[in-house]
Amino acid sequence: FWVGYQFVITSRNHSLEGHWEVAYKGSSEVFL
C-alpha cells in the first residue's frame, strides 16, 4: 500500500540512483 514517501531519481546510468523524500511538507522527524 501507498505510504507518504517519494523516490527522486537523480541518475539513470547503469543503475537507477536517487534518494527518498517525505512527500508532503510538515512531516518532521521521520526516518527515510
Full PDB file with SEQRES, HELIX, SHEET, SSBOND, CRYST1, ORIGX, SCALE, CONECT and MASTER records, all heavy atoms in Angstrom:
SEQRES   1 A   32  PHE TRP VAL GLY TYR GLN PHE VAL ILE THR SER ARG ASN          
SEQRES   2 A   32  HIS SER LEU GLU GLY HIS TRP GLU VAL ALA TYR LYS GLY          
SEQRES   3 A   32  SER SER GLU VAL PHE LEU                                      
SHEET    1 AA1 2 TYR A   5  ARG A  12  0                                        
SHEET    2 AA1 2 LEU A  16  VAL A  22 -1                                        
CRYST1    1.000    1.000    1.000  90.00  90.00  90.00 P 1           1          
ORIGX1      1.000000  0.000000  0.000000        0.00000                         
ORIGX2      0.000000  1.000000  0.000000        0.00000                         
ORIGX3      0.000000  0.000000  1.000000        0.00000                         
SCALE1      1.000000  0.000000  0.000000        0.00000                         
SCALE2      0.000000  1.000000  0.000000        0.00000                         
SCALE3      0.000000  0.000000  1.000000        0.00000                         
ATOM      1  N   PHE A   1       0.832  -1.200   0.000  1.00  0.00           N  
ATOM      2  CA  PHE A   1       0.000   0.000   0.000  1.00  0.00           C  
ATOM      3  C   PHE A   1       0.868   1.252   0.000  1.00  0.00           C  
ATOM      4  O   PHE A   1       2.001   1.268   0.471  1.00  0.00           O  
ATOM      5  CB  PHE A   1      -0.986   0.012   1.174  1.00  0.00           C  
ATOM      6  CG  PHE A   1      -0.478  -0.574   2.456  1.00  0.00           C  
ATOM      7  CD1 PHE A   1       0.360   0.148   3.293  1.00  0.00           C  
ATOM      8  CD2 PHE A   1      -0.865  -1.851   2.838  1.00  0.00           C  
ATOM      9  CE1 PHE A   1       0.811  -0.390   4.483  1.00  0.00           C  
ATOM     10  CE2 PHE A   1      -0.406  -2.394   4.037  1.00  0.00           C  
ATOM     11  CZ  PHE A   1       0.430  -1.669   4.848  1.00  0.00           C  
ATOM     12  N   TRP A   2       0.283   2.322  -0.584  1.00  0.00           N  
ATOM     13  CA  TRP A   2       0.979   3.604  -0.651  1.00  0.00           C  
ATOM     14  C   TRP A   2       1.244   4.140   0.752  1.00  0.00           C  
ATOM     15  O   TRP A   2       0.389   4.047   1.635  1.00  0.00           O  
ATOM     16  CB  TRP A   2       0.141   4.640  -1.389  1.00  0.00           C  
ATOM     17  CG  TRP A   2      -0.154   4.418  -2.841  1.00  0.00           C  
ATOM     18  CD1 TRP A   2      -1.393   4.383  -3.435  1.00  0.00           C  
ATOM     19  CD2 TRP A   2       0.794   4.270  -3.915  1.00  0.00           C  
ATOM     20  NE1 TRP A   2      -1.275   4.199  -4.790  1.00  0.00           N  
ATOM     21  CE2 TRP A   2       0.056   4.122  -5.121  1.00  0.00           C  
ATOM     22  CE3 TRP A   2       2.190   4.225  -3.977  1.00  0.00           C  
ATOM     23  CZ2 TRP A   2       0.670   3.949  -6.359  1.00  0.00           C  
ATOM     24  CZ3 TRP A   2       2.797   4.044  -5.207  1.00  0.00           C  
ATOM     25  CH2 TRP A   2       2.046   3.913  -6.372  1.00  0.00           C  
ATOM     26  N   VAL A   3       2.424   4.732   0.936  1.00  0.00           N  
ATOM     27  CA  VAL A   3       2.760   5.473   2.152  1.00  0.00           C  
ATOM     28  C   VAL A   3       3.392   6.801   1.733  1.00  0.00           C  
ATOM     29  O   VAL A   3       3.606   7.053   0.546  1.00  0.00           O  
ATOM     30  CB  VAL A   3       3.704   4.669   3.069  1.00  0.00           C  
ATOM     31  CG1 VAL A   3       2.951   3.516   3.729  1.00  0.00           C  
ATOM     32  CG2 VAL A   3       4.910   4.140   2.305  1.00  0.00           C  
ATOM     33  N   GLY A   4       3.693   7.654   2.697  1.00  0.00           N  
ATOM     34  CA  GLY A   4       3.968   9.061   2.396  1.00  0.00           C  
ATOM     35  C   GLY A   4       5.397   9.419   2.029  1.00  0.00           C  
ATOM     36  O   GLY A   4       5.929  10.419   2.537  1.00  0.00           O  
ATOM     37  N   TYR A   5       6.015   8.641   1.146  1.00  0.00           N  
ATOM     38  CA  TYR A   5       7.368   8.959   0.677  1.00  0.00           C  
ATOM     39  C   TYR A   5       7.403   8.949  -0.848  1.00  0.00           C  
ATOM     40  O   TYR A   5       6.586   8.284  -1.491  1.00  0.00           O  
ATOM     41  CB  TYR A   5       8.385   7.927   1.182  1.00  0.00           C  
ATOM     42  CG  TYR A   5       8.465   7.798   2.685  1.00  0.00           C  
ATOM     43  CD1 TYR A   5       7.735   6.819   3.356  1.00  0.00           C  
ATOM     44  CD2 TYR A   5       9.287   8.639   3.434  1.00  0.00           C  
ATOM     45  CE1 TYR A   5       7.813   6.690   4.722  1.00  0.00           C  
ATOM     46  CE2 TYR A   5       9.377   8.509   4.812  1.00  0.00           C  
ATOM     47  CZ  TYR A   5       8.637   7.536   5.450  1.00  0.00           C  
ATOM     48  OH  TYR A   5       8.714   7.407   6.813  1.00  0.00           O  
ATOM     49  N   GLN A   6       8.396   9.655  -1.412  1.00  0.00           N  
ATOM     50  CA  GLN A   6       8.638   9.633  -2.856  1.00  0.00           C  
ATOM     51  C   GLN A   6      10.134   9.449  -3.112  1.00  0.00           C  
ATOM     52  O   GLN A   6      10.974   9.949  -2.352  1.00  0.00           O  
ATOM     53  CB  GLN A   6       8.149  10.926  -3.515  1.00  0.00           C  
ATOM     54  CG  GLN A   6       6.635  11.045  -3.532  1.00  0.00           C  
ATOM     55  CD  GLN A   6       6.170  12.342  -4.143  1.00  0.00           C  
ATOM     56  OE1 GLN A   6       6.878  13.343  -4.113  1.00  0.00           O  
ATOM     57  NE2 GLN A   6       4.970  12.336  -4.709  1.00  0.00           N  
ATOM     58  N   PHE A   7      10.444   8.710  -4.174  1.00  0.00           N  
ATOM     59  CA  PHE A   7      11.830   8.466  -4.556  1.00  0.00           C  
ATOM     60  C   PHE A   7      12.163   9.348  -5.754  1.00  0.00           C  
ATOM     61  O   PHE A   7      11.544   9.227  -6.820  1.00  0.00           O  
ATOM     62  CB  PHE A   7      12.044   6.990  -4.916  1.00  0.00           C  
ATOM     63  CG  PHE A   7      13.483   6.612  -5.111  1.00  0.00           C  
ATOM     64  CD1 PHE A   7      14.302   6.357  -4.012  1.00  0.00           C  
ATOM     65  CD2 PHE A   7      14.026   6.525  -6.383  1.00  0.00           C  
ATOM     66  CE1 PHE A   7      15.634   6.016  -4.185  1.00  0.00           C  
ATOM     67  CE2 PHE A   7      15.362   6.173  -6.572  1.00  0.00           C  
ATOM     68  CZ  PHE A   7      16.172   5.917  -5.459  1.00  0.00           C  
ATOM     69  N   VAL A   8      13.113  10.264  -5.568  1.00  0.00           N  
ATOM     70  CA  VAL A   8      13.506  11.204  -6.616  1.00  0.00           C  
ATOM     71  C   VAL A   8      14.710  10.620  -7.350  1.00  0.00           C  
ATOM     72  O   VAL A   8      15.771  10.393  -6.751  1.00  0.00           O  
ATOM     73  CB  VAL A   8      13.858  12.578  -6.021  1.00  0.00           C  
ATOM     74  CG1 VAL A   8      14.277  13.548  -7.139  1.00  0.00           C  
ATOM     75  CG2 VAL A   8      12.661  13.132  -5.248  1.00  0.00           C  
ATOM     76  N   ILE A   9      14.560  10.372  -8.658  1.00  0.00           N  
ATOM     77  CA  ILE A   9      15.630   9.791  -9.465  1.00  0.00           C  
ATOM     78  C   ILE A   9      16.593  10.898  -9.893  1.00  0.00           C  
ATOM     79  O   ILE A   9      16.183  11.912 -10.461  1.00  0.00           O  
ATOM     80  CB  ILE A   9      15.056   9.074 -10.697  1.00  0.00           C  
ATOM     81  CG1 ILE A   9      14.151   7.912 -10.261  1.00  0.00           C  
ATOM     82  CG2 ILE A   9      16.180   8.541 -11.594  1.00  0.00           C  
ATOM     83  CD1 ILE A   9      13.425   7.234 -11.401  1.00  0.00           C  
ATOM     84  N   THR A  10      17.873  10.705  -9.595  1.00  0.00           N  
ATOM     85  CA  THR A  10      18.890  11.705  -9.949  1.00  0.00           C  
ATOM     86  C   THR A  10      19.785  11.245 -11.092  1.00  0.00           C  
ATOM     87  O   THR A  10      20.468  12.060 -11.705  1.00  0.00           O  
ATOM     88  CB  THR A  10      19.760  12.029  -8.719  1.00  0.00           C  
ATOM     89  OG1 THR A  10      20.336  10.819  -8.209  1.00  0.00           O  
ATOM     90  CG2 THR A  10      18.916  12.685  -7.632  1.00  0.00           C  
ATOM     91  N   SER A  11      19.802   9.936 -11.374  1.00  0.00           N  
ATOM     92  CA  SER A  11      20.650   9.430 -12.447  1.00  0.00           C  
ATOM     93  C   SER A  11      20.059   8.145 -12.999  1.00  0.00           C  
ATOM     94  O   SER A  11      19.527   7.317 -12.262  1.00  0.00           O  
ATOM     95  CB  SER A  11      22.074   9.171 -11.936  1.00  0.00           C  
ATOM     96  OG  SER A  11      22.868   8.538 -12.926  1.00  0.00           O  
ATOM     97  N   ARG A  12      20.154   7.974 -14.332  1.00  0.00           N  
ATOM     98  CA  ARG A  12      19.674   6.753 -14.983  1.00  0.00           C  
ATOM     99  C   ARG A  12      20.822   6.086 -15.747  1.00  0.00           C  
ATOM    100  O   ARG A  12      20.649   5.620 -16.856  1.00  0.00           O  
ATOM    101  CB  ARG A  12      18.517   7.073 -15.942  1.00  0.00           C  
ATOM    102  CG  ARG A  12      17.215   7.394 -15.255  1.00  0.00           C  
ATOM    103  CD  ARG A  12      16.136   7.660 -16.281  1.00  0.00           C  
ATOM    104  NE  ARG A  12      14.839   7.897 -15.671  1.00  0.00           N  
ATOM    105  CZ  ARG A  12      13.939   6.975 -15.400  1.00  0.00           C  
ATOM    106  NH1 ARG A  12      14.207   5.707 -15.670  1.00  0.00           N  
ATOM    107  NH2 ARG A  12      12.778   7.283 -14.862  1.00  0.00           N  
ATOM    108  N   ASN A  13      21.990   6.060 -15.154  1.00  0.00           N  
ATOM    109  CA  ASN A  13      23.135   5.428 -15.809  1.00  0.00           C  
ATOM    110  C   ASN A  13      22.976   3.913 -15.809  1.00  0.00           C  
ATOM    111  O   ASN A  13      21.953   3.391 -16.207  1.00  0.00           O  
ATOM    112  CB  ASN A  13      24.439   5.869 -15.131  1.00  0.00           C  
ATOM    113  CG  ASN A  13      24.708   7.346 -15.379  1.00  0.00           C  
ATOM    114  OD1 ASN A  13      24.282   7.889 -16.389  1.00  0.00           O  
ATOM    115  ND2 ASN A  13      25.394   7.985 -14.452  1.00  0.00           N  
ATOM    116  N   HIS A  14      23.965   3.189 -15.370  1.00  0.00           N  
ATOM    117  CA  HIS A  14      23.891   1.727 -15.375  1.00  0.00           C  
ATOM    118  C   HIS A  14      22.819   1.216 -14.414  1.00  0.00           C  
ATOM    119  O   HIS A  14      22.233   0.161 -14.625  1.00  0.00           O  
ATOM    120  CB  HIS A  14      25.259   1.145 -15.018  1.00  0.00           C  
ATOM    121  CG  HIS A  14      26.323   1.534 -15.991  1.00  0.00           C  
ATOM    122  ND1 HIS A  14      26.325   1.114 -17.312  1.00  0.00           N  
ATOM    123  CD2 HIS A  14      27.411   2.344 -15.864  1.00  0.00           C  
ATOM    124  CE1 HIS A  14      27.370   1.627 -17.942  1.00  0.00           C  
ATOM    125  NE2 HIS A  14      28.047   2.380 -17.079  1.00  0.00           N  
ATOM    126  N   SER A  15      22.583   1.961 -13.356  1.00  0.00           N  
ATOM    127  CA  SER A  15      21.517   1.614 -12.421  1.00  0.00           C  
ATOM    128  C   SER A  15      20.842   2.900 -11.963  1.00  0.00           C  
ATOM    129  O   SER A  15      21.448   3.978 -12.003  1.00  0.00           O  
ATOM    130  CB  SER A  15      22.083   0.853 -11.209  1.00  0.00           C  
ATOM    131  OG  SER A  15      22.997   1.670 -10.514  1.00  0.00           O  
ATOM    132  N   LEU A  16      19.597   2.775 -11.565  1.00  0.00           N  
ATOM    133  CA  LEU A  16      18.862   3.958 -11.109  1.00  0.00           C  
ATOM    134  C   LEU A  16      19.434   4.449  -9.786  1.00  0.00           C  
ATOM    135  O   LEU A  16      19.630   3.674  -8.851  1.00  0.00           O  
ATOM    136  CB  LEU A  16      17.383   3.624 -10.937  1.00  0.00           C  
ATOM    137  CG  LEU A  16      16.582   3.383 -12.219  1.00  0.00           C  
ATOM    138  CD1 LEU A  16      15.162   2.968 -11.891  1.00  0.00           C  
ATOM    139  CD2 LEU A  16      16.576   4.632 -13.098  1.00  0.00           C  
ATOM    140  N   GLU A  17      19.687   5.753  -9.715  1.00  0.00           N  
ATOM    141  CA  GLU A  17      20.176   6.357  -8.490  1.00  0.00           C  
ATOM    142  C   GLU A  17      19.227   7.473  -8.086  1.00  0.00           C  
ATOM    143  O   GLU A  17      18.630   8.144  -8.925  1.00  0.00           O  
ATOM    144  CB  GLU A  17      21.589   6.906  -8.684  1.00  0.00           C  
ATOM    145  CG  GLU A  17      22.632   5.844  -9.009  1.00  0.00           C  
ATOM    146  CD  GLU A  17      24.006   6.435  -9.257  1.00  0.00           C  
ATOM    147  OE1 GLU A  17      24.140   7.672  -9.139  1.00  0.00           O  
ATOM    148  OE2 GLU A  17      24.933   5.665  -9.565  1.00  0.00           O  
ATOM    149  N   GLY A  18      19.108   7.673  -6.801  1.00  0.00           N  
ATOM    150  CA  GLY A  18      18.228   8.718  -6.305  1.00  0.00           C  
ATOM    151  C   GLY A  18      18.163   8.695  -4.792  1.00  0.00           C  
ATOM    152  O   GLY A  18      18.995   8.090  -4.122  1.00  0.00           O  
ATOM    153  N   HIS A  19      17.167   9.357  -4.260  1.00  0.00           N  
ATOM    154  CA  HIS A  19      17.015   9.409  -2.796  1.00  0.00           C  
ATOM    155  C   HIS A  19      15.545   9.560  -2.433  1.00  0.00           C  
ATOM    156  O   HIS A  19      14.734  10.045  -3.220  1.00  0.00           O  
ATOM    157  CB  HIS A  19      17.824  10.582  -2.218  1.00  0.00           C  
ATOM    158  CG  HIS A  19      17.389  11.921  -2.757  1.00  0.00           C  
ATOM    159  ND1 HIS A  19      17.931  12.471  -3.911  1.00  0.00           N  
ATOM    160  CD2 HIS A  19      16.455  12.825  -2.334  1.00  0.00           C  
ATOM    161  CE1 HIS A  19      17.369  13.640  -4.158  1.00  0.00           C  
ATOM    162  NE2 HIS A  19      16.463  13.871  -3.214  1.00  0.00           N  
ATOM    163  N   TRP A  20      15.226   9.132  -1.222  1.00  0.00           N  
ATOM    164  CA  TRP A  20      13.870   9.250  -0.697  1.00  0.00           C  
ATOM    165  C   TRP A  20      13.637  10.647  -0.125  1.00  0.00           C  
ATOM    166  O   TRP A  20      14.540  11.257   0.448  1.00  0.00           O  
ATOM    167  CB  TRP A  20      13.619   8.240   0.412  1.00  0.00           C  
ATOM    168  CG  TRP A  20      13.462   6.816  -0.021  1.00  0.00           C  
ATOM    169  CD1 TRP A  20      14.349   5.795   0.173  1.00  0.00           C  
ATOM    170  CD2 TRP A  20      12.333   6.246  -0.697  1.00  0.00           C  
ATOM    171  NE1 TRP A  20      13.853   4.621  -0.353  1.00  0.00           N  
ATOM    172  CE2 TRP A  20      12.611   4.866  -0.893  1.00  0.00           C  
ATOM    173  CE3 TRP A  20      11.126   6.761  -1.167  1.00  0.00           C  
ATOM    174  CZ2 TRP A  20      11.729   4.000  -1.512  1.00  0.00           C  
ATOM    175  CZ3 TRP A  20      10.244   5.897  -1.796  1.00  0.00           C  
ATOM    176  CH2 TRP A  20      10.537   4.550  -1.963  1.00  0.00           C  
ATOM    177  N   GLU A  21      12.415  11.129  -0.270  1.00  0.00           N  
ATOM    178  CA  GLU A  21      11.977  12.367   0.366  1.00  0.00           C  
ATOM    179  C   GLU A  21      10.598  12.147   0.965  1.00  0.00           C  
ATOM    180  O   GLU A  21       9.849  11.268   0.522  1.00  0.00           O  
ATOM    181  CB  GLU A  21      11.895  13.524  -0.646  1.00  0.00           C  
ATOM    182  CG  GLU A  21      13.230  13.957  -1.204  1.00  0.00           C  
ATOM    183  CD  GLU A  21      13.092  15.131  -2.166  1.00  0.00           C  
ATOM    184  OE1 GLU A  21      11.920  15.540  -2.442  1.00  0.00           O  
ATOM    185  OE2 GLU A  21      14.131  15.642  -2.635  1.00  0.00           O  
ATOM    186  N   VAL A  22      10.274  12.950   1.978  1.00  0.00           N  
ATOM    187  CA  VAL A  22       8.911  12.939   2.507  1.00  0.00           C  
ATOM    188  C   VAL A  22       8.017  13.626   1.494  1.00  0.00           C  
ATOM    189  O   VAL A  22       8.378  14.671   0.933  1.00  0.00           O  
ATOM    190  CB  VAL A  22       8.848  13.649   3.877  1.00  0.00           C  
ATOM    191  CG1 VAL A  22       7.414  13.742   4.371  1.00  0.00           C  
ATOM    192  CG2 VAL A  22       9.707  12.905   4.884  1.00  0.00           C  
ATOM    193  N   ALA A  23       6.847  13.059   1.246  1.00  0.00           N  
ATOM    194  CA  ALA A  23       6.031  13.503   0.116  1.00  0.00           C  
ATOM    195  C   ALA A  23       5.281  14.805   0.369  1.00  0.00           C  
ATOM    196  O   ALA A  23       4.790  15.413  -0.569  1.00  0.00           O  
ATOM    197  CB  ALA A  23       5.036  12.408  -0.258  1.00  0.00           C  
ATOM    198  N   TYR A  24       5.177  15.243   1.613  1.00  0.00           N  
ATOM    199  CA  TYR A  24       4.413  16.453   1.874  1.00  0.00           C  
ATOM    200  C   TYR A  24       5.091  17.244   2.986  1.00  0.00           C  
ATOM    201  O   TYR A  24       5.784  16.694   3.842  1.00  0.00           O  
ATOM    202  CB  TYR A  24       2.969  16.117   2.286  1.00  0.00           C  
ATOM    203  CG  TYR A  24       2.871  15.189   3.468  1.00  0.00           C  
ATOM    204  CD1 TYR A  24       2.757  15.678   4.762  1.00  0.00           C  
ATOM    205  CD2 TYR A  24       2.910  13.808   3.293  1.00  0.00           C  
ATOM    206  CE1 TYR A  24       2.700  14.828   5.843  1.00  0.00           C  
ATOM    207  CE2 TYR A  24       2.847  12.951   4.372  1.00  0.00           C  
ATOM    208  CZ  TYR A  24       2.740  13.471   5.638  1.00  0.00           C  
ATOM    209  OH  TYR A  24       2.688  12.620   6.716  1.00  0.00           O  
ATOM    210  N   LYS A  25       4.896  18.536   2.962  1.00  0.00           N  
ATOM    211  CA  LYS A  25       5.513  19.397   3.964  1.00  0.00           C  
ATOM    212  C   LYS A  25       4.843  19.198   5.322  1.00  0.00           C  
ATOM    213  O   LYS A  25       3.684  18.834   5.413  1.00  0.00           O  
ATOM    214  CB  LYS A  25       5.400  20.856   3.540  1.00  0.00           C  
ATOM    215  CG  LYS A  25       6.182  21.179   2.269  1.00  0.00           C  
ATOM    216  CD  LYS A  25       6.027  22.647   1.883  1.00  0.00           C  
ATOM    217  CE  LYS A  25       6.811  22.954   0.621  1.00  0.00           C  
ATOM    218  NZ  LYS A  25       6.674  24.380   0.214  1.00  0.00           N  
ATOM    219  N   GLY A  26       5.587  19.467   6.354  1.00  0.00           N  
ATOM    220  CA  GLY A  26       5.035  19.343   7.700  1.00  0.00           C  
ATOM    221  C   GLY A  26       5.416  18.058   8.385  1.00  0.00           C  
ATOM    222  O   GLY A  26       5.153  17.899   9.569  1.00  0.00           O  
ATOM    223  N   SER A  27       6.020  17.124   7.659  1.00  0.00           N  
ATOM    224  CA  SER A  27       6.456  15.875   8.276  1.00  0.00           C  
ATOM    225  C   SER A  27       7.888  16.042   8.769  1.00  0.00           C  
ATOM    226  O   SER A  27       8.821  16.055   7.977  1.00  0.00           O  
ATOM    227  CB  SER A  27       6.389  14.720   7.281  1.00  0.00           C  
ATOM    228  OG  SER A  27       5.065  14.474   6.912  1.00  0.00           O  
ATOM    229  N   SER A  28       8.042  16.208  10.043  1.00  0.00           N  
ATOM    230  CA  SER A  28       9.371  16.359  10.615  1.00  0.00           C  
ATOM    231  C   SER A  28       9.707  15.122  11.442  1.00  0.00           C  
ATOM    232  O   SER A  28       8.826  14.383  11.879  1.00  0.00           O  
ATOM    233  CB  SER A  28       9.440  17.610  11.497  1.00  0.00           C  
ATOM    234  OG  SER A  28       8.486  17.527  12.533  1.00  0.00           O  
ATOM    235  N   GLU A  29      10.981  14.909  11.655  1.00  0.00           N  
ATOM    236  CA  GLU A  29      11.452  13.816  12.490  1.00  0.00           C  
ATOM    237  C   GLU A  29      10.917  12.459  12.019  1.00  0.00           C  
ATOM    238  O   GLU A  29      10.416  11.672  12.804  1.00  0.00           O  
ATOM    239  CB  GLU A  29      11.056  14.048  13.964  1.00  0.00           C  
ATOM    240  CG  GLU A  29      11.673  15.313  14.546  1.00  0.00           C  
ATOM    241  CD  GLU A  29      11.297  15.498  15.996  1.00  0.00           C  
ATOM    242  OE1 GLU A  29      10.627  14.607  16.560  1.00  0.00           O  
ATOM    243  OE2 GLU A  29      11.671  16.527  16.572  1.00  0.00           O  
ATOM    244  N   VAL A  30      11.017  12.214  10.725  1.00  0.00           N  
ATOM    245  CA  VAL A  30      10.640  10.905  10.195  1.00  0.00           C  
ATOM    246  C   VAL A  30      11.891  10.234   9.659  1.00  0.00           C  
ATOM    247  O   VAL A  30      12.843  10.904   9.244  1.00  0.00           O  
ATOM    248  CB  VAL A  30       9.578  11.005   9.080  1.00  0.00           C  
ATOM    249  CG1 VAL A  30       8.328  11.689   9.584  1.00  0.00           C  
ATOM    250  CG2 VAL A  30      10.133  11.732   7.874  1.00  0.00           C  
ATOM    251  N   PHE A  31      11.909   8.902   9.684  1.00  0.00           N  
ATOM    252  CA  PHE A  31      13.040   8.215   9.063  1.00  0.00           C  
ATOM    253  C   PHE A  31      12.704   7.925   7.607  1.00  0.00           C  
ATOM    254  O   PHE A  31      11.545   7.837   7.217  1.00  0.00           O  
ATOM    255  CB  PHE A  31      13.413   6.939   9.833  1.00  0.00           C  
ATOM    256  CG  PHE A  31      12.445   5.793   9.687  1.00  0.00           C  
ATOM    257  CD1 PHE A  31      12.374   5.063   8.508  1.00  0.00           C  
ATOM    258  CD2 PHE A  31      11.636   5.410  10.744  1.00  0.00           C  
ATOM    259  CE1 PHE A  31      11.501   3.995   8.383  1.00  0.00           C  
ATOM    260  CE2 PHE A  31      10.761   4.345  10.626  1.00  0.00           C  
ATOM    261  CZ  PHE A  31      10.695   3.638   9.436  1.00  0.00           C  
ATOM    262  N   LEU A  32      13.740   7.798   6.789  1.00  0.00           N  
ATOM    263  CA  LEU A  32      13.565   7.536   5.362  1.00  0.00           C  
ATOM    264  C   LEU A  32      13.846   6.066   5.083  1.00  0.00           C  
ATOM    265  O   LEU A  32      14.703   5.456   5.724  1.00  0.00           O  
ATOM    266  CB  LEU A  32      14.500   8.429   4.542  1.00  0.00           C  
ATOM    267  CG  LEU A  32      14.251   9.937   4.672  1.00  0.00           C  
ATOM    268  CD1 LEU A  32      15.289  10.710   3.881  1.00  0.00           C  
ATOM    269  CD2 LEU A  32      12.845  10.301   4.198  1.00  0.00           C  
TER     270      LEU A  32                                                      
MASTER        0    0    0    0    2    0    0    6  269    1    0    3          
END                                                                             
